[in-house]
Amino acid sequence: MNLDDVHRGIHKHKKRRRIGRGPGSGHGKTAGRGHKGAGSRAGYSVHPTFEGGQMPLVRRVPKRGFHNRFAKVVRSINIGQLDPLFNDGDEVTPETLKARGVLKGRYDLLKVLGDGTLSKKLKIAAHRFSESARSKIEAAGGQVVVLAGPAPVGKQRDNAKAEA
């Protein structure tokens, strides 16, 4: 193999294909549209799932279950995850959790769950708290702050603007 063979098919500024400009161009007469049929006509468009008349895959695959598109996305975090991340007396908010890389992606509500142990006095602000989390935070000398409404702007989903 020669280097000339490798670079033969590479064009930095490839000329555009001029269709319908006579038989000498290689794309004359039918202009690459073939003979007859809907695809040869002007204004032709096909549905993205059209498979030539056979039953499309999206209709062949069975649909199972139910998906509520209006449901709130609740992101949860355990108090056991908070203990190594924060120092005694720190304030834990959705913003500080995002800054430390704990919360990623979009969500509507933040819920603190009671799995693990909490040995530090933390002021934790979230939208929801489980009973076990609330009792463990208060037992450690911390404070529970319930946030009103959805998550801060930039984290909330488009179709869920306000908490129901």
N, C-alpha and C. Protein backbone atom coordinates (compact mmCIF):
# COMPACT_ATOMS: atom_id res chain seq x y z
N MET A 1 0.85 -1.19 0.00
CA MET A 1 0.00 0.00 0.00
C MET A 1 0.88 1.25 0.00
N ASN A 2 0.50 2.23 -0.81
CA ASN A 2 1.23 3.48 -0.90
C ASN A 2 0.46 4.58 -0.19
N LEU A 3 1.15 5.64 0.25
CA LEU A 3 0.49 6.78 0.86
C LEU A 3 -0.46 7.46 -0.12
N ASP A 4 -0.13 7.40 -1.41
CA ASP A 4 -1.01 7.98 -2.42
C ASP A 4 -2.37 7.30 -2.42
N ASP A 5 -2.40 6.00 -2.16
CA ASP A 5 -3.67 5.26 -2.14
C ASP A 5 -4.53 5.67 -0.95
N VAL A 6 -3.90 5.96 0.18
CA VAL A 6 -4.64 6.31 1.39
C VAL A 6 -5.33 7.66 1.24
N HIS A 7 -4.64 8.63 0.69
CA HIS A 7 -5.16 9.99 0.61
C HIS A 7 -6.01 10.28 -0.63
N ARG A 8 -6.18 9.28 -1.47
CA ARG A 8 -6.88 9.51 -2.72
C ARG A 8 -8.37 9.87 -2.48
N GLY A 9 -9.02 9.22 -1.52
CA GLY A 9 -10.45 9.44 -1.31
C GLY A 9 -10.78 10.56 -0.34
N ILE A 10 -9.78 11.24 0.21
CA ILE A 10 -10.03 12.29 1.19
C ILE A 10 -10.03 13.65 0.50
N HIS A 11 -11.13 14.40 0.69
CA HIS A 11 -11.24 15.73 0.10
C HIS A 11 -11.55 16.72 1.20
N LYS A 12 -10.71 17.74 1.35
CA LYS A 12 -10.95 18.75 2.37
C LYS A 12 -12.13 19.64 1.98
N HIS A 13 -12.19 20.02 0.74
CA HIS A 13 -13.29 20.86 0.24
C HIS A 13 -14.01 20.09 -0.86
N LYS A 14 -14.92 19.20 -0.44
CA LYS A 14 -15.63 18.36 -1.39
C LYS A 14 -16.70 19.17 -2.10
N LYS A 15 -16.79 19.03 -3.43
CA LYS A 15 -17.78 19.76 -4.20
C LYS A 15 -19.15 19.17 -3.93
N ARG A 16 -20.18 20.04 -3.87
CA ARG A 16 -21.53 19.54 -3.62
C ARG A 16 -22.06 18.80 -4.84
N ARG A 17 -23.00 17.88 -4.60
CA ARG A 17 -23.58 17.08 -5.66
C ARG A 17 -24.64 17.90 -6.38
N ARG A 18 -24.41 18.20 -7.66
CA ARG A 18 -25.37 18.98 -8.45
C ARG A 18 -26.29 18.02 -9.17
N ILE A 19 -27.54 17.88 -8.63
CA ILE A 19 -28.46 16.90 -9.19
C ILE A 19 -29.35 17.55 -10.24
N GLY A 20 -29.82 16.73 -11.20
CA GLY A 20 -30.72 17.20 -12.24
C GLY A 20 -30.07 18.12 -13.24
N ARG A 21 -28.79 17.92 -13.53
CA ARG A 21 -28.06 18.80 -14.45
C ARG A 21 -27.54 18.03 -15.67
N GLY A 22 -28.36 17.08 -16.14
CA GLY A 22 -28.03 16.37 -17.36
C GLY A 22 -27.34 15.04 -17.12
N PRO A 23 -27.30 14.19 -18.16
CA PRO A 23 -26.75 12.84 -18.02
C PRO A 23 -25.24 12.82 -17.75
N GLY A 24 -24.54 13.84 -18.15
CA GLY A 24 -23.09 13.86 -17.94
C GLY A 24 -22.69 14.02 -16.48
N SER A 25 -23.59 14.52 -15.67
CA SER A 25 -23.25 14.76 -14.27
C SER A 25 -23.29 13.49 -13.43
N GLY A 26 -23.97 12.45 -13.96
CA GLY A 26 -24.12 11.22 -13.18
C GLY A 26 -25.33 11.27 -12.27
N HIS A 27 -25.95 12.45 -12.16
CA HIS A 27 -27.16 12.60 -11.34
C HIS A 27 -28.23 13.32 -12.14
N GLY A 28 -28.33 13.01 -13.41
CA GLY A 28 -29.31 13.66 -14.28
C GLY A 28 -30.61 12.88 -14.31
N LYS A 29 -31.45 13.19 -15.26
CA LYS A 29 -32.74 12.55 -15.50
C LYS A 29 -33.59 12.50 -14.24
N THR A 30 -33.56 11.41 -13.45
CA THR A 30 -34.42 11.30 -12.26
C THR A 30 -33.80 11.96 -11.04
N ALA A 31 -32.61 12.50 -11.13
CA ALA A 31 -31.93 13.25 -10.07
C ALA A 31 -31.80 12.45 -8.77
N GLY A 32 -31.53 11.15 -8.92
CA GLY A 32 -31.29 10.31 -7.74
C GLY A 32 -32.56 9.87 -7.04
N ARG A 33 -33.74 10.17 -7.62
CA ARG A 33 -35.00 9.83 -6.96
C ARG A 33 -35.58 8.50 -7.44
N GLY A 34 -34.99 7.86 -8.41
CA GLY A 34 -35.52 6.60 -8.92
C GLY A 34 -36.69 6.85 -9.85
N HIS A 35 -37.39 5.76 -10.22
CA HIS A 35 -38.51 5.85 -11.15
C HIS A 35 -39.84 5.70 -10.43
N LYS A 36 -40.75 6.61 -10.66
CA LYS A 36 -42.12 6.57 -10.14
C LYS A 36 -42.18 6.43 -8.61
N GLY A 37 -43.35 6.30 -8.08
CA GLY A 37 -43.54 6.13 -6.65
C GLY A 37 -43.55 7.45 -5.90
N ALA A 38 -43.97 7.39 -4.64
CA ALA A 38 -44.13 8.60 -3.84
C ALA A 38 -42.80 9.34 -3.65
N GLY A 39 -41.72 8.61 -3.52
CA GLY A 39 -40.41 9.23 -3.28
C GLY A 39 -39.91 10.05 -4.44
N SER A 40 -40.46 9.84 -5.60
CA SER A 40 -40.01 10.60 -6.77
C SER A 40 -40.77 11.91 -6.92
N ARG A 41 -41.86 12.07 -6.18
CA ARG A 41 -42.70 13.25 -6.32
C ARG A 41 -42.22 14.42 -5.45
N ALA A 42 -42.56 15.62 -5.87
CA ALA A 42 -42.25 16.80 -5.07
C ALA A 42 -43.15 16.82 -3.84
N GLY A 43 -42.62 17.29 -2.72
CA GLY A 43 -43.41 17.40 -1.50
C GLY A 43 -43.53 16.10 -0.73
N TYR A 44 -42.80 15.08 -1.14
CA TYR A 44 -42.88 13.78 -0.47
C TYR A 44 -42.24 13.84 0.91
N SER A 45 -42.93 13.31 1.91
CA SER A 45 -42.33 13.14 3.22
C SER A 45 -42.89 11.87 3.83
N VAL A 46 -42.11 11.23 4.68
CA VAL A 46 -42.52 9.97 5.29
C VAL A 46 -42.42 10.09 6.81
N HIS A 47 -43.33 9.44 7.49
CA HIS A 47 -43.32 9.44 8.95
C HIS A 47 -42.05 8.74 9.44
N PRO A 48 -41.42 9.23 10.52
CA PRO A 48 -40.16 8.65 10.99
C PRO A 48 -40.24 7.16 11.32
N THR A 49 -41.42 6.68 11.72
CA THR A 49 -41.53 5.26 12.09
C THR A 49 -42.04 4.40 10.95
N PHE A 50 -42.23 4.96 9.77
CA PHE A 50 -42.75 4.18 8.65
C PHE A 50 -41.73 3.15 8.21
N GLU A 51 -42.19 1.90 8.07
CA GLU A 51 -41.29 0.80 7.71
C GLU A 51 -41.76 0.10 6.45
N GLY A 52 -42.19 0.89 5.46
CA GLY A 52 -42.53 0.31 4.18
C GLY A 52 -43.85 -0.44 4.17
N GLY A 53 -44.70 -0.20 5.13
CA GLY A 53 -46.00 -0.86 5.14
C GLY A 53 -46.11 -1.95 6.18
N GLN A 54 -44.97 -2.52 6.60
CA GLN A 54 -45.06 -3.54 7.67
C GLN A 54 -45.38 -2.85 8.98
N MET A 55 -45.85 -3.62 9.95
CA MET A 55 -46.23 -3.05 11.25
C MET A 55 -44.98 -2.46 11.91
N PRO A 56 -44.98 -1.15 12.21
CA PRO A 56 -43.78 -0.51 12.77
C PRO A 56 -43.41 -1.08 14.13
N LEU A 57 -42.14 -0.99 14.46
CA LEU A 57 -41.63 -1.51 15.73
C LEU A 57 -42.34 -0.87 16.92
N VAL A 58 -42.62 0.43 16.84
CA VAL A 58 -43.26 1.11 17.96
C VAL A 58 -44.67 0.60 18.20
N ARG A 59 -45.28 0.00 17.21
CA ARG A 59 -46.61 -0.58 17.39
C ARG A 59 -46.55 -2.07 17.67
N ARG A 60 -45.45 -2.73 17.29
CA ARG A 60 -45.30 -4.18 17.55
C ARG A 60 -44.94 -4.47 19.00
N VAL A 61 -44.17 -3.59 19.62
CA VAL A 61 -43.71 -3.81 20.99
C VAL A 61 -44.86 -3.55 21.95
N PRO A 62 -45.14 -4.49 22.88
CA PRO A 62 -46.25 -4.26 23.81
C PRO A 62 -45.96 -3.15 24.79
N LYS A 63 -47.00 -2.41 25.13
CA LYS A 63 -46.86 -1.32 26.09
C LYS A 63 -47.32 -1.85 27.45
N ARG A 64 -46.50 -1.65 28.47
CA ARG A 64 -46.83 -2.15 29.80
C ARG A 64 -46.81 -1.02 30.81
N GLY A 65 -47.68 -1.08 31.80
CA GLY A 65 -47.63 -0.17 32.92
C GLY A 65 -48.20 1.20 32.62
N PHE A 66 -47.87 2.12 33.51
CA PHE A 66 -48.39 3.48 33.43
C PHE A 66 -47.28 4.44 33.84
N HIS A 67 -47.16 5.53 33.12
CA HIS A 67 -46.17 6.54 33.45
C HIS A 67 -46.88 7.87 33.63
N ASN A 68 -46.79 8.41 34.84
CA ASN A 68 -47.42 9.69 35.14
C ASN A 68 -46.44 10.81 34.81
N ARG A 69 -46.70 11.51 33.72
CA ARG A 69 -45.77 12.56 33.29
C ARG A 69 -45.87 13.82 34.15
N PHE A 70 -46.89 13.89 35.01
CA PHE A 70 -47.05 15.05 35.88
C PHE A 70 -46.49 14.81 37.28
N ALA A 71 -45.98 13.62 37.53
CA ALA A 71 -45.47 13.28 38.86
C ALA A 71 -44.21 14.08 39.16
N LYS A 72 -44.04 14.43 40.42
CA LYS A 72 -42.84 15.15 40.86
C LYS A 72 -41.66 14.18 40.91
N VAL A 73 -40.49 14.66 40.54
CA VAL A 73 -39.27 13.87 40.68
C VAL A 73 -38.69 14.19 42.05
N VAL A 74 -38.67 13.18 42.92
CA VAL A 74 -38.19 13.37 44.28
C VAL A 74 -36.79 12.76 44.39
N ARG A 75 -35.80 13.59 44.66
CA ARG A 75 -34.43 13.11 44.86
C ARG A 75 -34.25 12.90 46.35
N SER A 76 -33.72 11.73 46.74
CA SER A 76 -33.58 11.44 48.17
C SER A 76 -32.10 11.32 48.54
N ILE A 77 -31.82 11.62 49.79
CA ILE A 77 -30.46 11.50 50.33
C ILE A 77 -30.58 11.02 51.77
N ASN A 78 -29.70 10.12 52.16
CA ASN A 78 -29.70 9.59 53.52
C ASN A 78 -28.80 10.43 54.41
N ILE A 79 -29.14 10.48 55.71
CA ILE A 79 -28.33 11.27 56.63
C ILE A 79 -26.95 10.66 56.82
N GLY A 80 -26.82 9.37 56.54
CA GLY A 80 -25.52 8.72 56.59
C GLY A 80 -24.56 9.26 55.54
N GLN A 81 -25.10 9.74 54.43
CA GLN A 81 -24.27 10.33 53.38
C GLN A 81 -23.82 11.74 53.76
N LEU A 82 -24.61 12.42 54.58
CA LEU A 82 -24.29 13.80 54.96
C LEU A 82 -23.19 13.88 56.01
N ASP A 83 -23.12 12.87 56.89
CA ASP A 83 -22.19 12.90 58.02
C ASP A 83 -20.73 13.11 57.61
N PRO A 84 -20.19 12.36 56.63
CA PRO A 84 -18.77 12.59 56.26
C PRO A 84 -18.53 13.84 55.42
N LEU A 85 -19.59 14.39 54.81
CA LEU A 85 -19.41 15.53 53.90
C LEU A 85 -19.36 16.89 54.60
N PHE A 86 -20.02 17.01 55.73
CA PHE A 86 -20.15 18.31 56.38
C PHE A 86 -19.54 18.31 57.77
N ASN A 87 -19.10 19.47 58.20
CA ASN A 87 -18.53 19.65 59.54
C ASN A 87 -19.62 20.02 60.53
N ASP A 88 -19.27 19.95 61.80
CA ASP A 88 -20.22 20.27 62.85
C ASP A 88 -20.66 21.74 62.75
N GLY A 89 -21.97 21.98 62.73
CA GLY A 89 -22.50 23.34 62.67
C GLY A 89 -22.75 23.84 61.26
N ASP A 90 -22.45 23.06 60.23
CA ASP A 90 -22.66 23.48 58.84
C ASP A 90 -24.15 23.50 58.50
N GLU A 91 -24.47 24.29 57.47
CA GLU A 91 -25.84 24.34 56.97
C GLU A 91 -25.90 23.54 55.67
N VAL A 92 -26.82 22.59 55.62
CA VAL A 92 -26.97 21.72 54.45
C VAL A 92 -28.20 22.17 53.68
N THR A 93 -27.99 22.62 52.44
CA THR A 93 -29.08 23.05 51.56
C THR A 93 -28.93 22.34 50.22
N PRO A 94 -29.96 22.37 49.37
CA PRO A 94 -29.81 21.78 48.03
C PRO A 94 -28.63 22.39 47.26
N GLU A 95 -28.37 23.68 47.48
CA GLU A 95 -27.27 24.35 46.77
C GLU A 95 -25.91 23.81 47.24
N THR A 96 -25.75 23.62 48.56
CA THR A 96 -24.47 23.11 49.07
C THR A 96 -24.27 21.65 48.66
N LEU A 97 -25.36 20.89 48.59
CA LEU A 97 -25.26 19.49 48.14
C LEU A 97 -24.85 19.41 46.67
N LYS A 98 -25.39 20.33 45.87
CA LYS A 98 -25.01 20.36 44.45
C LYS A 98 -23.55 20.77 44.29
N ALA A 99 -23.11 21.73 45.11
CA ALA A 99 -21.72 22.19 45.04
C ALA A 99 -20.74 21.08 45.41
N ARG A 100 -21.16 20.19 46.30
CA ARG A 100 -20.28 19.08 46.72
C ARG A 100 -20.42 17.86 45.82
N GLY A 101 -21.28 17.95 44.80
CA GLY A 101 -21.41 16.86 43.83
C GLY A 101 -22.30 15.73 44.27
N VAL A 102 -23.11 15.94 45.32
CA VAL A 102 -23.99 14.88 45.81
C VAL A 102 -25.27 14.82 44.97
N LEU A 103 -25.85 15.98 44.67
CA LEU A 103 -27.06 16.05 43.86
C LEU A 103 -26.69 16.39 42.43
N LYS A 104 -27.13 15.54 41.50
CA LYS A 104 -26.87 15.79 40.09
C LYS A 104 -28.18 15.64 39.32
N GLY A 105 -28.30 16.33 38.23
CA GLY A 105 -29.49 16.23 37.40
C GLY A 105 -30.64 17.08 37.92
N ARG A 106 -31.79 16.92 37.27
CA ARG A 106 -32.97 17.72 37.61
C ARG A 106 -33.86 16.97 38.57
N TYR A 107 -34.51 17.72 39.44
CA TYR A 107 -35.47 17.15 40.36
C TYR A 107 -36.43 18.25 40.80
N ASP A 108 -37.53 17.83 41.41
CA ASP A 108 -38.52 18.80 41.90
C ASP A 108 -38.44 18.98 43.41
N LEU A 109 -38.27 17.87 44.13
CA LEU A 109 -38.26 17.91 45.59
C LEU A 109 -37.07 17.11 46.13
N LEU A 110 -36.52 17.57 47.24
CA LEU A 110 -35.44 16.86 47.92
C LEU A 110 -35.98 16.29 49.22
N LYS A 111 -35.77 14.98 49.41
CA LYS A 111 -36.24 14.34 50.64
C LYS A 111 -35.05 13.75 51.37
N VAL A 112 -34.99 13.99 52.68
CA VAL A 112 -33.93 13.44 53.53
C VAL A 112 -34.48 12.20 54.22
N LEU A 113 -33.76 11.07 54.05
CA LEU A 113 -34.17 9.81 54.64
C LEU A 113 -33.26 9.47 55.82
N GLY A 114 -33.72 8.58 56.68
CA GLY A 114 -33.03 8.32 57.94
C GLY A 114 -32.07 7.16 57.97
N ASP A 115 -31.59 6.68 56.84
CA ASP A 115 -30.65 5.55 56.83
C ASP A 115 -29.25 6.05 57.24
N GLY A 116 -28.61 5.36 58.16
CA GLY A 116 -27.28 5.73 58.64
C GLY A 116 -27.36 6.49 59.95
N THR A 117 -26.18 6.94 60.40
CA THR A 117 -26.13 7.67 61.67
C THR A 117 -25.61 9.07 61.44
N LEU A 118 -26.03 9.99 62.30
CA LEU A 118 -25.60 11.38 62.22
C LEU A 118 -24.99 11.76 63.56
N SER A 119 -23.70 12.12 63.54
CA SER A 119 -23.00 12.45 64.78
C SER A 119 -22.70 13.94 64.89
N LYS A 120 -23.08 14.72 63.86
CA LYS A 120 -22.75 16.15 63.85
C LYS A 120 -24.02 16.98 63.94
N LYS A 121 -23.87 18.16 64.49
CA LYS A 121 -24.99 19.10 64.62
C LYS A 121 -25.10 19.87 63.30
N LEU A 122 -26.09 19.52 62.49
CA LEU A 122 -26.27 20.13 61.18
C LEU A 122 -27.63 20.80 61.07
N LYS A 123 -27.68 21.91 60.33
CA LYS A 123 -28.95 22.55 60.01
C LYS A 123 -29.28 22.13 58.58
N ILE A 124 -30.25 21.25 58.45
CA ILE A 124 -30.55 20.64 57.15
C ILE A 124 -31.85 21.22 56.60
N ALA A 125 -31.77 21.75 55.37
CA ALA A 125 -32.93 22.31 54.70
C ALA A 125 -33.28 21.43 53.50
N ALA A 126 -34.51 20.95 53.46
CA ALA A 126 -34.99 20.11 52.36
C ALA A 126 -36.50 20.29 52.25
N HIS A 127 -37.09 19.72 51.20
CA HIS A 127 -38.52 19.84 50.98
C HIS A 127 -39.32 18.86 51.83
N ARG A 128 -38.72 17.66 52.06
CA ARG A 128 -39.40 16.65 52.85
C ARG A 128 -38.39 15.92 53.74
N PHE A 129 -38.88 15.39 54.86
CA PHE A 129 -38.06 14.61 55.78
C PHE A 129 -38.85 13.38 56.21
N SER A 130 -38.18 12.24 56.31
CA SER A 130 -38.84 11.08 56.90
C SER A 130 -38.83 11.25 58.41
N GLU A 131 -39.72 10.54 59.10
CA GLU A 131 -39.81 10.67 60.56
C GLU A 131 -38.50 10.24 61.23
N SER A 132 -37.89 9.16 60.72
CA SER A 132 -36.63 8.69 61.32
C SER A 132 -35.50 9.70 61.10
N ALA A 133 -35.47 10.33 59.94
CA ALA A 133 -34.44 11.34 59.66
C ALA A 133 -34.63 12.54 60.57
N ARG A 134 -35.87 12.99 60.73
CA ARG A 134 -36.16 14.14 61.57
C ARG A 134 -35.74 13.87 63.02
N SER A 135 -36.05 12.67 63.53
CA SER A 135 -35.71 12.35 64.92
C SER A 135 -34.19 12.22 65.10
N LYS A 136 -33.48 11.66 64.12
CA LYS A 136 -32.02 11.50 64.23
C LYS A 136 -31.31 12.86 64.15
N ILE A 137 -31.81 13.76 63.30
CA ILE A 137 -31.20 15.09 63.17
C ILE A 137 -31.38 15.87 64.48
N GLU A 138 -32.59 15.83 65.03
CA GLU A 138 -32.86 16.56 66.28
C GLU A 138 -32.15 15.92 67.46
N ALA A 139 -31.97 14.59 67.45
CA ALA A 139 -31.25 13.89 68.52
C ALA A 139 -29.77 14.28 68.52
N ALA A 140 -29.21 14.58 67.34
CA ALA A 140 -27.81 14.98 67.24
C ALA A 140 -27.63 16.46 67.55
N GLY A 141 -28.73 17.17 67.84
CA GLY A 141 -28.65 18.59 68.16
C GLY A 141 -28.80 19.48 66.95
N GLY A 142 -29.17 18.89 65.82
CA GLY A 142 -29.33 19.66 64.58
C GLY A 142 -30.69 20.28 64.46
N GLN A 143 -30.91 20.93 63.31
CA GLN A 143 -32.16 21.64 63.07
C GLN A 143 -32.72 21.22 61.73
N VAL A 144 -34.05 21.06 61.64
CA VAL A 144 -34.74 20.68 60.41
C VAL A 144 -35.45 21.90 59.86
N VAL A 145 -35.16 22.23 58.58
CA VAL A 145 -35.82 23.36 57.91
C VAL A 145 -36.55 22.81 56.69
N VAL A 146 -37.88 22.96 56.69
CA VAL A 146 -38.69 22.47 55.58
C VAL A 146 -38.82 23.59 54.54
N LEU A 147 -38.34 23.32 53.34
CA LEU A 147 -38.42 24.29 52.24
C LEU A 147 -39.80 24.25 51.61
N ALA A 148 -40.33 25.39 51.25
CA ALA A 148 -41.63 25.46 50.61
C ALA A 148 -41.46 25.46 49.10
N GLY A 149 -42.42 24.88 48.40
CA GLY A 149 -42.42 24.92 46.95
C GLY A 149 -41.42 23.95 46.34
N PRO A 150 -41.28 24.01 45.02
CA PRO A 150 -40.38 23.10 44.31
C PRO A 150 -38.91 23.47 44.50
N ALA A 151 -38.06 22.69 43.89
CA ALA A 151 -36.62 22.92 43.95
C ALA A 151 -36.27 24.26 43.32
N PRO A 152 -35.09 24.81 43.61
CA PRO A 152 -34.70 26.10 43.04
C PRO A 152 -34.72 26.09 41.52
N VAL A 153 -34.88 27.27 40.92
CA VAL A 153 -34.92 27.40 39.47
C VAL A 153 -33.60 26.89 38.90
N GLY A 154 -33.70 26.17 37.76
CA GLY A 154 -32.52 25.57 37.16
C GLY A 154 -32.45 24.10 37.46
N LYS A 155 -33.15 23.66 38.51
CA LYS A 155 -33.18 22.25 38.84
C LYS A 155 -34.55 21.65 38.61
N GLN A 156 -35.55 22.50 38.47
CA GLN A 156 -36.89 21.95 38.37
C GLN A 156 -37.19 21.58 36.93
N ARG A 157 -38.04 20.59 36.79
CA ARG A 157 -38.43 20.14 35.46
C ARG A 157 -39.38 21.13 34.85
N ASP A 158 -39.47 21.09 33.51
CA ASP A 158 -40.28 22.06 32.79
C ASP A 158 -41.78 21.91 33.07
N ASN A 159 -42.28 20.64 33.17
CA ASN A 159 -43.72 20.45 33.28
C ASN A 159 -44.22 20.49 34.71
N ALA A 160 -43.35 20.69 35.68
CA ALA A 160 -43.78 20.75 37.08
C ALA A 160 -43.31 22.07 37.67
N LYS A 161 -44.08 23.11 37.53
CA LYS A 161 -43.66 24.44 37.92
C LYS A 161 -43.93 24.73 39.40
N ALA A 162 -45.00 24.18 39.94
CA ALA A 162 -45.34 24.48 41.33
C ALA A 162 -45.74 23.19 42.05
N GLU A 163 -45.49 23.17 43.34
CA GLU A 163 -45.83 21.98 44.11
C GLU A 163 -47.33 21.94 44.34
N ALA A 164 -47.89 20.75 44.16
CA ALA A 164 -49.33 20.61 44.33
C ALA A 164 -49.67 20.30 45.77
